[in-house]
Amino acid sequence: MITQTSNGPIYYETAGDGPPLVFVSGWAMSSECWRPAIALLRRKYRCLTYDARGIGRSQPVPADARFEVEDQAEDLHTVMEAARIYDAAIIGHEHGSMVAAICSARHPQDMSSLTLVSPRSGIPEDELKRMSVTTPASLALRELASFPFIRNVIAWRFRRAPQPFRDRLFEDFANLNPRAGFEMARSLANPEAADMFERFIERADFPALLVCGEKDKKGIARARRLFSLLGAGKLATVKGSGFLPMLEYPEQFARLLDGFVAASAHRAGNTLSLR
C-alpha cells in the first residue's frame, strides 16, 4: 500500500492479525530485512513494515524533500495513522532505533513498548567525510553503490544475511535515492540527534528491550550504554549473530520479541486492573 505525503510516497505493508508490531529499518535499508521474522510473528500479531522515503518502493521523492531524523520520525507516525495502528510495540533496527525513539517522544500514543535492535546513535565522522567526498555535491548521481568504498561498506553490513535477502538488500541500496542516503547519514551524524535519543531513553517509563548480535561489537557497546540509561529494561544477546539478528536467526529473534511483547502486555493489564 502507498500513502502520499508532501515529501513523496511511502510504501507500507501489513500482515497478520492481533496486537500491533511496527518495524523500522536501519539506514539505507528497505523493509525486506524484517520479512523472515514477520513470517513467524504474523501468526499472532498484526505487523506493519514500510520503506523510508527515498528507499526501496518509497520513490520518487520531490526535489525539496527533507531527510532529517525528525522528518523520518514523522513519516513513521504518518504510516501508522494510514494503517490505523496506535499503541504498538515499535521495533527499530540500527539507526531506525533513533527514528522509532524520536517518533515515540513526539507521539507517545503511538507506542506501548520499544525494542532497539543493533542500536546505533550516529554515523562515524570519518565515514561521513569519506561519503561526502564520494558523493557529488549535486547528489544527482544514481550509481552511488558503484563506488568501491560504498560497496565495501554495504557488503560488510550484509555479509551474514542469508540469500536471497542479501542480494535484495544490496539491490535496494543500489537503487537508493542518493540524496536520501547522504542527507539521512548527515542527520544521523548530528550530535543533537544523538543527545535527543539518549535523553528520551533516560526518561523512559515504558517497557524497553535491547537486542544485539554476539558478533556485533559496535551494537553491543551501544546497547550497554543505552541499557545503563534505562531505569528498567532488558538486554538480550543473540548468540552467533552479527548486525542482522532478525535475518540471521529469525526464529530466535521472533521468540525473543514475542516473549517480551507478551510480558509487557501482561504487566500493562495488571496495572490497569489494579487501578
C-alpha atoms as a PDB file:
ATOM      1  CA  MET A   1       0.000   0.000   0.000  1.00  0.00           C
ATOM      2  CA  ILE A   2       1.038   3.597  -0.598  1.00  0.00           C
ATOM      3  CA  THR A   3       0.348   6.684   1.496  1.00  0.00           C
ATOM      4  CA  GLN A   4       1.047  10.020  -0.154  1.00  0.00           C
ATOM      5  CA  THR A   5       2.894  12.731   1.749  1.00  0.00           C
ATOM      6  CA  SER A   6       4.222  16.170   0.852  1.00  0.00           C
ATOM      7  CA  ASN A   7       7.650  14.532   0.650  1.00  0.00           C
ATOM      8  CA  GLY A   8       6.590  11.794  -1.741  1.00  0.00           C
ATOM      9  CA  PRO A   9       5.004   8.341  -1.483  1.00  0.00           C
ATOM     10  CA  ILE A  10       5.639   5.976   1.422  1.00  0.00           C
ATOM     11  CA  TYR A  11       5.206   2.268   0.740  1.00  0.00           C
ATOM     12  CA  TYR A  12       3.976   0.061   3.578  1.00  0.00           C
ATOM     13  CA  GLU A  13       2.651  -3.442   4.214  1.00  0.00           C
ATOM     14  CA  THR A  14       0.598  -5.056   6.950  1.00  0.00           C
ATOM     15  CA  ALA A  15       0.438  -8.777   7.668  1.00  0.00           C
ATOM     16  CA  GLY A  16      -1.342 -10.888  10.259  1.00  0.00           C
ATOM     17  CA  ASP A  17      -3.889 -10.057  12.901  1.00  0.00           C
ATOM     18  CA  GLY A  18      -3.574  -9.323  16.611  1.00  0.00           C
ATOM     19  CA  PRO A  19      -1.686  -6.795  18.757  1.00  0.00           C
ATOM     20  CA  PRO A  20       0.302  -4.406  16.535  1.00  0.00           C
ATOM     21  CA  LEU A  21       4.040  -4.594  15.904  1.00  0.00           C
ATOM     22  CA  VAL A  22       5.705  -1.813  13.900  1.00  0.00           C
ATOM     23  CA  PHE A  23       9.154  -2.329  12.349  1.00  0.00           C
ATOM     24  CA  VAL A  24      11.577   0.487  11.445  1.00  0.00           C
ATOM     25  CA  SER A  25      14.552  -0.373   9.233  1.00  0.00           C
ATOM     26  CA  GLY A  26      18.087   0.959   9.578  1.00  0.00           C
ATOM     27  CA  TRP A  27      19.990   3.411   7.400  1.00  0.00           C
ATOM     28  CA  ALA A  28      19.586   2.817   3.646  1.00  0.00           C
ATOM     29  CA  MET A  29      17.742  -0.470   4.239  1.00  0.00           C
ATOM     30  CA  SER A  30      14.313  -1.389   2.953  1.00  0.00           C
ATOM     31  CA  SER A  31      11.700  -3.279   4.935  1.00  0.00           C
ATOM     32  CA  GLU A  32      12.852  -6.566   3.373  1.00  0.00           C
ATOM     33  CA  CYS A  33      15.183  -7.117   6.341  1.00  0.00           C
ATOM     34  CA  TRP A  34      12.155  -7.976   8.528  1.00  0.00           C
ATOM     35  CA  ARG A  35      10.407 -10.434   6.213  1.00  0.00           C
ATOM     36  CA  PRO A  36      11.626 -13.779   7.694  1.00  0.00           C
ATOM     37  CA  ALA A  37      10.783 -12.727  11.254  1.00  0.00           C
ATOM     38  CA  ILE A  38       7.392 -11.364  10.214  1.00  0.00           C
ATOM     39  CA  ALA A  39       6.548 -14.660   8.516  1.00  0.00           C
ATOM     40  CA  LEU A  40       6.638 -16.134  12.036  1.00  0.00           C
ATOM     41  CA  LEU A  41       5.202 -13.232  14.028  1.00  0.00           C
ATOM     42  CA  ARG A  42       2.198 -12.644  11.765  1.00  0.00           C
ATOM     43  CA  ARG A  43       0.596 -15.783  13.204  1.00  0.00           C
ATOM     44  CA  LYS A  44      -0.032 -13.859  16.413  1.00  0.00           C
ATOM     45  CA  TYR A  45       0.441 -10.151  15.644  1.00  0.00           C
ATOM     46  CA  ARG A  46      -0.502  -7.507  13.112  1.00  0.00           C
ATOM     47  CA  CYS A  47       2.854  -6.482  11.651  1.00  0.00           C
ATOM     48  CA  LEU A  48       3.500  -3.161   9.905  1.00  0.00           C
ATOM     49  CA  THR A  49       6.616  -2.521   7.801  1.00  0.00           C
ATOM     50  CA  TYR A  50       7.467   0.315   5.440  1.00  0.00           C
ATOM     51  CA  ASP A  51      10.226   1.702   3.221  1.00  0.00           C
ATOM     52  CA  ALA A  52      11.558   5.066   4.378  1.00  0.00           C
ATOM     53  CA  ARG A  53      11.356   7.961   1.946  1.00  0.00           C
ATOM     54  CA  GLY A  54      13.818   7.630  -0.925  1.00  0.00           C
ATOM     55  CA  ILE A  55      14.406   3.924  -0.203  1.00  0.00           C
ATOM     56  CA  GLY A  56      13.008   0.835  -1.912  1.00  0.00           C
ATOM     57  CA  ARG A  57       9.462   1.417  -3.117  1.00  0.00           C
ATOM     58  CA  SER A  58       9.074   4.847  -1.444  1.00  0.00           C
ATOM     59  CA  GLN A  59      10.154   6.728  -4.556  1.00  0.00           C
ATOM     60  CA  PRO A  60      10.324   9.134  -6.330  1.00  0.00           C
ATOM     61  CA  VAL A  61      10.877  11.975  -3.907  1.00  0.00           C
ATOM     62  CA  PRO A  62      10.407  15.665  -4.771  1.00  0.00           C
ATOM     63  CA  ALA A  63      13.439  17.893  -5.172  1.00  0.00           C
ATOM     64  CA  ASP A  64      12.679  19.786  -1.963  1.00  0.00           C
ATOM     65  CA  ALA A  65      12.121  16.693   0.228  1.00  0.00           C
ATOM     66  CA  ARG A  66      13.865  16.691   3.612  1.00  0.00           C
ATOM     67  CA  PHE A  67      15.630  13.723   5.196  1.00  0.00           C
ATOM     68  CA  GLU A  68      16.329  14.796   8.780  1.00  0.00           C
ATOM     69  CA  VAL A  69      15.799  12.217  11.529  1.00  0.00           C
ATOM     70  CA  GLU A  70      12.787  14.236  12.688  1.00  0.00           C
ATOM     71  CA  ASP A  71      11.276  14.041   9.194  1.00  0.00           C
ATOM     72  CA  GLN A  72      11.777  10.282   9.182  1.00  0.00           C
ATOM     73  CA  ALA A  73      10.064  10.098  12.577  1.00  0.00           C
ATOM     74  CA  GLU A  74       7.058  11.979  11.206  1.00  0.00           C
ATOM     75  CA  ASP A  75       6.921   9.537   8.282  1.00  0.00           C
ATOM     76  CA  LEU A  76       6.670   6.685  10.780  1.00  0.00           C
ATOM     77  CA  HIS A  77       3.768   8.430  12.515  1.00  0.00           C
ATOM     78  CA  THR A  78       2.075   9.091   9.163  1.00  0.00           C
ATOM     79  CA  VAL A  79       2.351   5.437   8.149  1.00  0.00           C
ATOM     80  CA  MET A  80       0.915   4.291  11.481  1.00  0.00           C
ATOM     81  CA  GLU A  81      -2.008   6.657  11.039  1.00  0.00           C
ATOM     82  CA  ALA A  82      -2.581   5.404   7.484  1.00  0.00           C
ATOM     83  CA  ALA A  83      -2.635   1.813   8.765  1.00  0.00           C
ATOM     84  CA  ARG A  84      -4.781   2.872  11.757  1.00  0.00           C
ATOM     85  CA  ILE A  85      -2.271   1.466  14.214  1.00  0.00           C
ATOM     86  CA  TYR A  86      -1.704   3.011  17.629  1.00  0.00           C
ATOM     87  CA  ASP A  87      -0.319   1.891  20.978  1.00  0.00           C
ATOM     88  CA  ALA A  88       2.025  -0.502  19.195  1.00  0.00           C
ATOM     89  CA  ALA A  89       5.195  -2.337  20.095  1.00  0.00           C
ATOM     90  CA  ILE A  90       7.733  -0.468  17.945  1.00  0.00           C
ATOM     91  CA  ILE A  91      10.925  -2.228  16.858  1.00  0.00           C
ATOM     92  CA  GLY A  92      13.778  -0.177  15.390  1.00  0.00           C
ATOM     93  CA  HIS A  93      16.944  -1.584  13.828  1.00  0.00           C
ATOM     94  CA  GLU A  94      20.297   0.222  13.839  1.00  0.00           C
ATOM     95  CA  HIS A  95      19.646   3.906  13.069  1.00  0.00           C
ATOM     96  CA  GLY A  96      15.959   3.083  12.825  1.00  0.00           C
ATOM     97  CA  SER A  97      16.116   2.875  16.611  1.00  0.00           C
ATOM     98  CA  MET A  98      16.639   6.660  16.675  1.00  0.00           C
ATOM     99  CA  VAL A  99      13.716   7.206  14.313  1.00  0.00           C
ATOM    100  CA  ALA A 100      11.476   4.986  16.469  1.00  0.00           C
ATOM    101  CA  ALA A 101      12.518   6.747  19.684  1.00  0.00           C
ATOM    102  CA  ILE A 102      12.030  10.269  18.321  1.00  0.00           C
ATOM    103  CA  CYS A 103       8.628   9.343  16.880  1.00  0.00           C
ATOM    104  CA  SER A 104       7.609   7.929  20.264  1.00  0.00           C
ATOM    105  CA  ALA A 105       8.787  11.069  22.043  1.00  0.00           C
ATOM    106  CA  ARG A 106       6.700  13.241  19.707  1.00  0.00           C
ATOM    107  CA  HIS A 107       3.692  10.927  19.603  1.00  0.00           C
ATOM    108  CA  PRO A 108       3.506   8.948  22.864  1.00  0.00           C
ATOM    109  CA  GLN A 109       0.162   7.454  21.839  1.00  0.00           C
ATOM    110  CA  ASP A 110       1.919   5.535  19.071  1.00  0.00           C
ATOM    111  CA  MET A 111       3.997   3.292  21.348  1.00  0.00           C
ATOM    112  CA  SER A 112       3.328   0.729  24.062  1.00  0.00           C
ATOM    113  CA  SER A 113       6.882  -0.677  24.171  1.00  0.00           C
ATOM    114  CA  LEU A 114      10.165  -0.106  22.377  1.00  0.00           C
ATOM    115  CA  THR A 115      12.681  -2.657  21.087  1.00  0.00           C
ATOM    116  CA  LEU A 116      16.056  -1.445  19.802  1.00  0.00           C
ATOM    117  CA  VAL A 117      17.925  -3.936  17.607  1.00  0.00           C
ATOM    118  CA  SER A 118      21.666  -3.456  16.954  1.00  0.00           C
ATOM    119  CA  PRO A 119      21.224   0.194  18.014  1.00  0.00           C
ATOM    120  CA  ARG A 120      23.369   3.000  16.677  1.00  0.00           C
ATOM    121  CA  SER A 121      23.243   6.679  17.531  1.00  0.00           C
ATOM    122  CA  GLY A 122      25.110   8.181  14.611  1.00  0.00           C
ATOM    123  CA  ILE A 123      27.358   7.554  11.638  1.00  0.00           C
ATOM    124  CA  PRO A 124      31.071   7.851  12.440  1.00  0.00           C
ATOM    125  CA  GLU A 125      32.517  11.169  11.314  1.00  0.00           C
ATOM    126  CA  ASP A 126      35.249   9.537   9.233  1.00  0.00           C
ATOM    127  CA  GLU A 127      32.671   7.507   7.276  1.00  0.00           C
ATOM    128  CA  LEU A 128      30.568  10.608   6.666  1.00  0.00           C
ATOM    129  CA  LYS A 129      33.593  12.557   5.403  1.00  0.00           C
ATOM    130  CA  ARG A 130      34.514   9.769   3.010  1.00  0.00           C
ATOM    131  CA  MET A 131      30.932   9.633   1.808  1.00  0.00           C
ATOM    132  CA  SER A 132      30.949  13.412   1.302  1.00  0.00           C
ATOM    133  CA  VAL A 133      33.979  13.097  -0.953  1.00  0.00           C
ATOM    134  CA  THR A 134      32.480  10.143  -2.798  1.00  0.00           C
ATOM    135  CA  THR A 135      29.080  11.728  -3.365  1.00  0.00           C
ATOM    136  CA  PRO A 136      28.934  14.661  -5.818  1.00  0.00           C
ATOM    137  CA  ALA A 137      27.661  17.953  -4.452  1.00  0.00           C
ATOM    138  CA  SER A 138      24.641  17.836  -6.726  1.00  0.00           C
ATOM    139  CA  LEU A 139      23.725  14.417  -5.287  1.00  0.00           C
ATOM    140  CA  ALA A 140      22.227  13.634  -8.685  1.00  0.00           C
ATOM    141  CA  LEU A 141      24.307  10.516  -9.326  1.00  0.00           C
ATOM    142  CA  ARG A 142      22.195   7.346  -9.407  1.00  0.00           C
ATOM    143  CA  GLU A 143      25.115   4.903  -9.247  1.00  0.00           C
ATOM    144  CA  LEU A 144      26.005   5.618  -5.606  1.00  0.00           C
ATOM    145  CA  ALA A 145      26.596   1.915  -4.969  1.00  0.00           C
ATOM    146  CA  SER A 146      29.193   1.684  -7.735  1.00  0.00           C
ATOM    147  CA  PHE A 147      31.907   3.364  -5.657  1.00  0.00           C
ATOM    148  CA  PRO A 148      34.336   0.815  -4.126  1.00  0.00           C
ATOM    149  CA  PHE A 149      34.217   2.332  -0.629  1.00  0.00           C
ATOM    150  CA  ILE A 150      30.416   2.338  -0.538  1.00  0.00           C
ATOM    151  CA  ARG A 151      30.231  -1.163  -1.990  1.00  0.00           C
ATOM    152  CA  ASN A 152      32.650  -2.469   0.632  1.00  0.00           C
ATOM    153  CA  VAL A 153      30.676  -0.866   3.477  1.00  0.00           C
ATOM    154  CA  ILE A 154      27.406  -2.359   2.265  1.00  0.00           C
ATOM    155  CA  ALA A 155      28.904  -5.764   1.502  1.00  0.00           C
ATOM    156  CA  TRP A 156      30.299  -5.853   5.051  1.00  0.00           C
ATOM    157  CA  ARG A 157      26.966  -4.844   6.585  1.00  0.00           C
ATOM    158  CA  PHE A 158      25.005  -7.554   4.780  1.00  0.00           C
ATOM    159  CA  ARG A 159      27.622 -10.305   4.697  1.00  0.00           C
ATOM    160  CA  ARG A 160      25.829 -12.526   7.236  1.00  0.00           C
ATOM    161  CA  ALA A 161      22.361 -12.120   5.742  1.00  0.00           C
ATOM    162  CA  PRO A 162      21.072 -15.295   4.066  1.00  0.00           C
ATOM    163  CA  GLN A 163      20.136 -15.393   0.420  1.00  0.00           C
ATOM    164  CA  PRO A 164      18.025 -14.129  -1.281  1.00  0.00           C
ATOM    165  CA  PHE A 165      17.769 -11.296   1.243  1.00  0.00           C
ATOM    166  CA  ARG A 166      21.429 -10.326   0.937  1.00  0.00           C
ATOM    167  CA  ASP A 167      21.010  -9.642  -2.780  1.00  0.00           C
ATOM    168  CA  ARG A 168      17.682  -7.893  -2.250  1.00  0.00           C
ATOM    169  CA  LEU A 169      19.100  -5.550   0.390  1.00  0.00           C
ATOM    170  CA  PHE A 170      22.055  -4.696  -1.832  1.00  0.00           C
ATOM    171  CA  GLU A 171      19.718  -4.134  -4.777  1.00  0.00           C
ATOM    172  CA  ASP A 172      17.606  -1.779  -2.668  1.00  0.00           C
ATOM    173  CA  PHE A 173      20.734   0.110  -1.686  1.00  0.00           C
ATOM    174  CA  ALA A 174      21.872   0.301  -5.315  1.00  0.00           C
ATOM    175  CA  ASN A 175      18.528   1.920  -6.193  1.00  0.00           C
ATOM    176  CA  LEU A 176      18.555   4.242  -3.202  1.00  0.00           C
ATOM    177  CA  ASN A 177      17.933   7.908  -3.881  1.00  0.00           C
ATOM    178  CA  PRO A 178      21.482   9.265  -3.349  1.00  0.00           C
ATOM    179  CA  ARG A 179      20.306  12.434  -1.635  1.00  0.00           C
ATOM    180  CA  ALA A 180      18.160  10.400   0.739  1.00  0.00           C
ATOM    181  CA  GLY A 181      21.139   8.232   1.689  1.00  0.00           C
ATOM    182  CA  PHE A 182      23.555  11.114   2.151  1.00  0.00           C
ATOM    183  CA  GLU A 183      21.192  13.551   3.889  1.00  0.00           C
ATOM    184  CA  MET A 184      19.990  10.879   6.292  1.00  0.00           C
ATOM    185  CA  ALA A 185      23.601   9.950   7.081  1.00  0.00           C
ATOM    186  CA  ARG A 186      24.425  13.604   7.701  1.00  0.00           C
ATOM    187  CA  SER A 187      21.432  13.996  10.005  1.00  0.00           C
ATOM    188  CA  LEU A 188      22.346  10.859  11.943  1.00  0.00           C
ATOM    189  CA  ALA A 189      25.848  12.230  12.489  1.00  0.00           C
ATOM    190  CA  ASN A 190      24.417  15.341  14.166  1.00  0.00           C
ATOM    191  CA  PRO A 191      25.272  15.209  17.909  1.00  0.00           C
ATOM    192  CA  GLU A 192      21.961  16.904  18.721  1.00  0.00           C
ATOM    193  CA  ALA A 193      20.037  13.920  17.328  1.00  0.00           C
ATOM    194  CA  ALA A 194      22.129  11.523  19.429  1.00  0.00           C
ATOM    195  CA  ASP A 195      21.552  13.666  22.535  1.00  0.00           C
ATOM    196  CA  MET A 196      17.804  13.731  21.879  1.00  0.00           C
ATOM    197  CA  PHE A 197      17.846   9.949  21.549  1.00  0.00           C
ATOM    198  CA  GLU A 198      19.682   9.434  24.829  1.00  0.00           C
ATOM    199  CA  ARG A 199      17.503  11.910  26.740  1.00  0.00           C
ATOM    200  CA  PHE A 200      14.415  10.031  25.602  1.00  0.00           C
ATOM    201  CA  ILE A 201      15.873   6.690  26.697  1.00  0.00           C
ATOM    202  CA  GLU A 202      16.944   8.147  30.039  1.00  0.00           C
ATOM    203  CA  ARG A 203      13.389   9.348  30.739  1.00  0.00           C
ATOM    204  CA  ALA A 204      11.827   6.053  29.644  1.00  0.00           C
ATOM    205  CA  ASP A 205       8.821   4.909  31.646  1.00  0.00           C
ATOM    206  CA  PHE A 206       7.803   2.197  29.173  1.00  0.00           C
ATOM    207  CA  PRO A 207       8.914  -1.418  28.608  1.00  0.00           C
ATOM    208  CA  ALA A 208      12.162  -1.479  26.637  1.00  0.00           C
ATOM    209  CA  LEU A 209      14.211  -4.284  25.126  1.00  0.00           C
ATOM    210  CA  LEU A 210      17.702  -4.013  23.645  1.00  0.00           C
ATOM    211  CA  VAL A 211      18.769  -6.776  21.241  1.00  0.00           C
ATOM    212  CA  CYS A 212      22.175  -7.221  19.624  1.00  0.00           C
ATOM    213  CA  GLY A 213      24.142  -9.980  17.993  1.00  0.00           C
ATOM    214  CA  GLU A 214      27.032 -11.561  19.847  1.00  0.00           C
ATOM    215  CA  LYS A 215      29.416 -10.633  16.996  1.00  0.00           C
ATOM    216  CA  ASP A 216      28.172  -7.054  16.588  1.00  0.00           C
ATOM    217  CA  LYS A 217      30.742  -5.309  18.758  1.00  0.00           C
ATOM    218  CA  LYS A 218      29.527  -1.785  17.970  1.00  0.00           C
ATOM    219  CA  GLY A 219      25.953  -2.816  18.667  1.00  0.00           C
ATOM    220  CA  ILE A 220      26.866  -4.415  21.985  1.00  0.00           C
ATOM    221  CA  ALA A 221      28.791  -1.324  23.121  1.00  0.00           C
ATOM    222  CA  ARG A 222      25.921   0.965  22.166  1.00  0.00           C
ATOM    223  CA  ALA A 223      23.292  -1.321  23.706  1.00  0.00           C
ATOM    224  CA  ARG A 224      25.176  -1.395  27.002  1.00  0.00           C
ATOM    225  CA  ARG A 225      25.378   2.390  27.035  1.00  0.00           C
ATOM    226  CA  LEU A 226      21.634   2.721  26.430  1.00  0.00           C
ATOM    227  CA  PHE A 227      20.875  -0.019  28.958  1.00  0.00           C
ATOM    228  CA  SER A 228      22.768   1.938  31.602  1.00  0.00           C
ATOM    229  CA  LEU A 229      20.460   4.910  30.942  1.00  0.00           C
ATOM    230  CA  LEU A 230      17.265   2.908  31.287  1.00  0.00           C
ATOM    231  CA  GLY A 231      15.547   2.904  34.631  1.00  0.00           C
ATOM    232  CA  ALA A 232      14.159  -0.513  33.735  1.00  0.00           C
ATOM    233  CA  GLY A 233      14.646  -2.669  30.689  1.00  0.00           C
ATOM    234  CA  LYS A 234      16.099  -5.841  29.268  1.00  0.00           C
ATOM    235  CA  LEU A 235      19.260  -6.504  27.289  1.00  0.00           C
ATOM    236  CA  ALA A 236      19.455  -9.668  25.168  1.00  0.00           C
ATOM    237  CA  THR A 237      22.325 -11.013  23.061  1.00  0.00           C
ATOM    238  CA  VAL A 238      21.669 -13.418  20.184  1.00  0.00           C
ATOM    239  CA  LYS A 239      24.451 -15.996  20.196  1.00  0.00           C
ATOM    240  CA  GLY A 240      26.325 -16.375  16.913  1.00  0.00           C
ATOM    241  CA  SER A 241      24.586 -13.400  15.318  1.00  0.00           C
ATOM    242  CA  GLY A 242      26.025 -10.224  13.906  1.00  0.00           C
ATOM    243  CA  PHE A 243      24.438  -6.970  12.757  1.00  0.00           C
ATOM    244  CA  LEU A 244      21.173  -8.515  11.473  1.00  0.00           C
ATOM    245  CA  PRO A 245      19.786 -10.903  14.120  1.00  0.00           C
ATOM    246  CA  MET A 246      16.274 -10.770  12.614  1.00  0.00           C
ATOM    247  CA  LEU A 247      17.666 -12.120   9.327  1.00  0.00           C
ATOM    248  CA  GLU A 248      20.433 -14.360  10.625  1.00  0.00           C
ATOM    249  CA  TYR A 249      18.348 -16.079  13.317  1.00  0.00           C
ATOM    250  CA  PRO A 250      14.694 -15.175  12.628  1.00  0.00           C
ATOM    251  CA  GLU A 251      13.200 -17.940  14.801  1.00  0.00           C
ATOM    252  CA  GLN A 252      15.219 -16.967  17.861  1.00  0.00           C
ATOM    253  CA  PHE A 253      14.539 -13.293  17.218  1.00  0.00           C
ATOM    254  CA  ALA A 254      10.787 -13.878  16.826  1.00  0.00           C
ATOM    255  CA  ARG A 255      10.641 -15.894  20.071  1.00  0.00           C
ATOM    256  CA  LEU A 256      12.578 -13.211  21.932  1.00  0.00           C
ATOM    257  CA  LEU A 257      10.332 -10.432  20.656  1.00  0.00           C
ATOM    258  CA  ASP A 258       7.142 -12.422  21.283  1.00  0.00           C
ATOM    259  CA  GLY A 259       8.154 -13.151  24.872  1.00  0.00           C
ATOM    260  CA  PHE A 260       8.969  -9.507  25.558  1.00  0.00           C
ATOM    261  CA  VAL A 261       5.777  -8.120  23.979  1.00  0.00           C
ATOM    262  CA  ALA A 262       3.566 -10.699  25.713  1.00  0.00           C
ATOM    263  CA  ALA A 263       5.176  -9.985  29.104  1.00  0.00           C
ATOM    264  CA  SER A 264       4.819  -6.213  28.566  1.00  0.00           C
ATOM    265  CA  ALA A 265       1.130  -6.587  27.715  1.00  0.00           C
ATOM    266  CA  HIS A 266       0.594  -8.770  30.792  1.00  0.00           C
ATOM    267  CA  ARG A 267       2.222  -6.191  33.073  1.00  0.00           C
ATOM    268  CA  ALA A 268       0.151  -3.403  31.491  1.00  0.00           C
ATOM    269  CA  GLY A 269      -3.018  -5.434  32.067  1.00  0.00           C
ATOM    270  CA  ASN A 270      -2.157  -5.969  35.707  1.00  0.00           C
ATOM    271  CA  THR A 271      -1.505  -2.266  36.166  1.00  0.00           C
ATOM    272  CA  LEU A 272      -4.868  -1.378  34.664  1.00  0.00           C
ATOM    273  CA  SER A 273      -6.690  -3.907  36.837  1.00  0.00           C
ATOM    274  CA  LEU A 274      -5.053  -2.519  39.979  1.00  0.00           C
ATOM    275  CA  ARG A 275      -6.287   0.946  39.107  1.00  0.00           C
END
